[in-house]
Amino acid sequence: MTKSPTAAFLTIVIENSGLTDRVIAQRAESAEPNVLSMMKTGEAGEGRRRARVEFP
């Protein structure tokens, strides 16, 4: 599967954050770690609640 530009961007930002998917999910207060993995691979579709996560 070809990654979307959004999925590619998320992968880069998450990998460069130094944080695990679990920590990011906890900071988002709504996302589960598996949802982040799905977003990075482009498997997560529309309709998910949007969360704003700030990286240090």
C-alpha atoms as a PDB file:
ATOM      1  CA  MET A   1       0.000   0.000   0.000  1.00  0.00           C
ATOM      2  CA  THR A   2       1.311   3.449  -0.903  1.00  0.00           C
ATOM      3  CA  LYS A   3       1.400   5.848   2.004  1.00  0.00           C
ATOM      4  CA  SER A   4      -0.563   9.042   1.747  1.00  0.00           C
ATOM      5  CA  PRO A   5       1.338  12.296   2.263  1.00  0.00           C
ATOM      6  CA  THR A   6      -0.365  12.624   5.652  1.00  0.00           C
ATOM      7  CA  ALA A   7       0.662   9.124   6.737  1.00  0.00           C
ATOM      8  CA  ALA A   8       4.240   9.759   5.597  1.00  0.00           C
ATOM      9  CA  PHE A   9       4.302  13.058   7.497  1.00  0.00           C
ATOM     10  CA  LEU A  10       2.955  11.443  10.678  1.00  0.00           C
ATOM     11  CA  THR A  11       5.538   8.684  10.472  1.00  0.00           C
ATOM     12  CA  ILE A  12       8.378  11.196  10.219  1.00  0.00           C
ATOM     13  CA  VAL A  13       7.082  13.404  13.032  1.00  0.00           C
ATOM     14  CA  ILE A  14       6.376  10.494  15.376  1.00  0.00           C
ATOM     15  CA  GLU A  15       9.721   8.810  14.704  1.00  0.00           C
ATOM     16  CA  ASN A  16      11.603  12.084  15.274  1.00  0.00           C
ATOM     17  CA  SER A  17       9.669  12.922  18.446  1.00  0.00           C
ATOM     18  CA  GLY A  18      11.528  10.376  20.543  1.00  0.00           C
ATOM     19  CA  LEU A  19       8.191   9.308  22.024  1.00  0.00           C
ATOM     20  CA  THR A  20       6.499   5.930  21.806  1.00  0.00           C
ATOM     21  CA  ASP A  21       3.058   5.507  20.262  1.00  0.00           C
ATOM     22  CA  ARG A  22       1.771   4.751  23.759  1.00  0.00           C
ATOM     23  CA  VAL A  23       3.067   8.049  25.191  1.00  0.00           C
ATOM     24  CA  ILE A  24       1.661  10.012  22.255  1.00  0.00           C
ATOM     25  CA  ALA A  25      -1.712   8.292  22.683  1.00  0.00           C
ATOM     26  CA  GLN A  26      -1.717   9.169  26.394  1.00  0.00           C
ATOM     27  CA  ARG A  27      -0.952  12.799  25.603  1.00  0.00           C
ATOM     28  CA  ALA A  28      -3.719  12.868  22.999  1.00  0.00           C
ATOM     29  CA  GLU A  29      -6.120  11.637  25.711  1.00  0.00           C
ATOM     30  CA  SER A  30      -8.290   9.868  23.172  1.00  0.00           C
ATOM     31  CA  ALA A  31      -6.234   7.888  20.700  1.00  0.00           C
ATOM     32  CA  GLU A  32      -5.132   4.313  21.292  1.00  0.00           C
ATOM     33  CA  PRO A  33      -1.590   3.316  20.311  1.00  0.00           C
ATOM     34  CA  ASN A  34      -2.951   0.992  17.628  1.00  0.00           C
ATOM     35  CA  VAL A  35      -4.823   3.914  16.034  1.00  0.00           C
ATOM     36  CA  LEU A  36      -1.535   5.798  15.730  1.00  0.00           C
ATOM     37  CA  SER A  37      -0.023   2.776  14.006  1.00  0.00           C
ATOM     38  CA  MET A  38      -2.991   2.673  11.647  1.00  0.00           C
ATOM     39  CA  MET A  39      -2.574   6.378  10.903  1.00  0.00           C
ATOM     40  CA  LYS A  40       1.125   5.913  10.106  1.00  0.00           C
ATOM     41  CA  THR A  41       0.330   3.154   7.615  1.00  0.00           C
ATOM     42  CA  GLY A  42      -2.643   4.978   6.124  1.00  0.00           C
ATOM     43  CA  GLU A  43      -5.135   2.372   7.352  1.00  0.00           C
ATOM     44  CA  ALA A  44      -7.123   4.740   9.596  1.00  0.00           C
ATOM     45  CA  GLY A  45     -10.000   6.339   7.763  1.00  0.00           C
ATOM     46  CA  GLU A  46     -11.971   9.501   8.172  1.00  0.00           C
ATOM     47  CA  GLY A  47     -14.450   9.906  10.977  1.00  0.00           C
ATOM     48  CA  ARG A  48     -12.038   9.463  13.844  1.00  0.00           C
ATOM     49  CA  ARG A  49     -12.093  12.092  16.548  1.00  0.00           C
ATOM     50  CA  ARG A  50      -9.309  14.573  15.942  1.00  0.00           C
ATOM     51  CA  ALA A  51      -6.759  15.088  18.675  1.00  0.00           C
ATOM     52  CA  ARG A  52      -4.170  17.814  18.962  1.00  0.00           C
ATOM     53  CA  VAL A  53      -0.856  16.533  20.218  1.00  0.00           C
ATOM     54  CA  GLU A  54       2.061  18.825  20.917  1.00  0.00           C
ATOM     55  CA  PHE A  55       5.531  17.415  20.638  1.00  0.00           C
ATOM     56  CA  PRO A  56       8.296  18.810  22.821  1.00  0.00           C
END
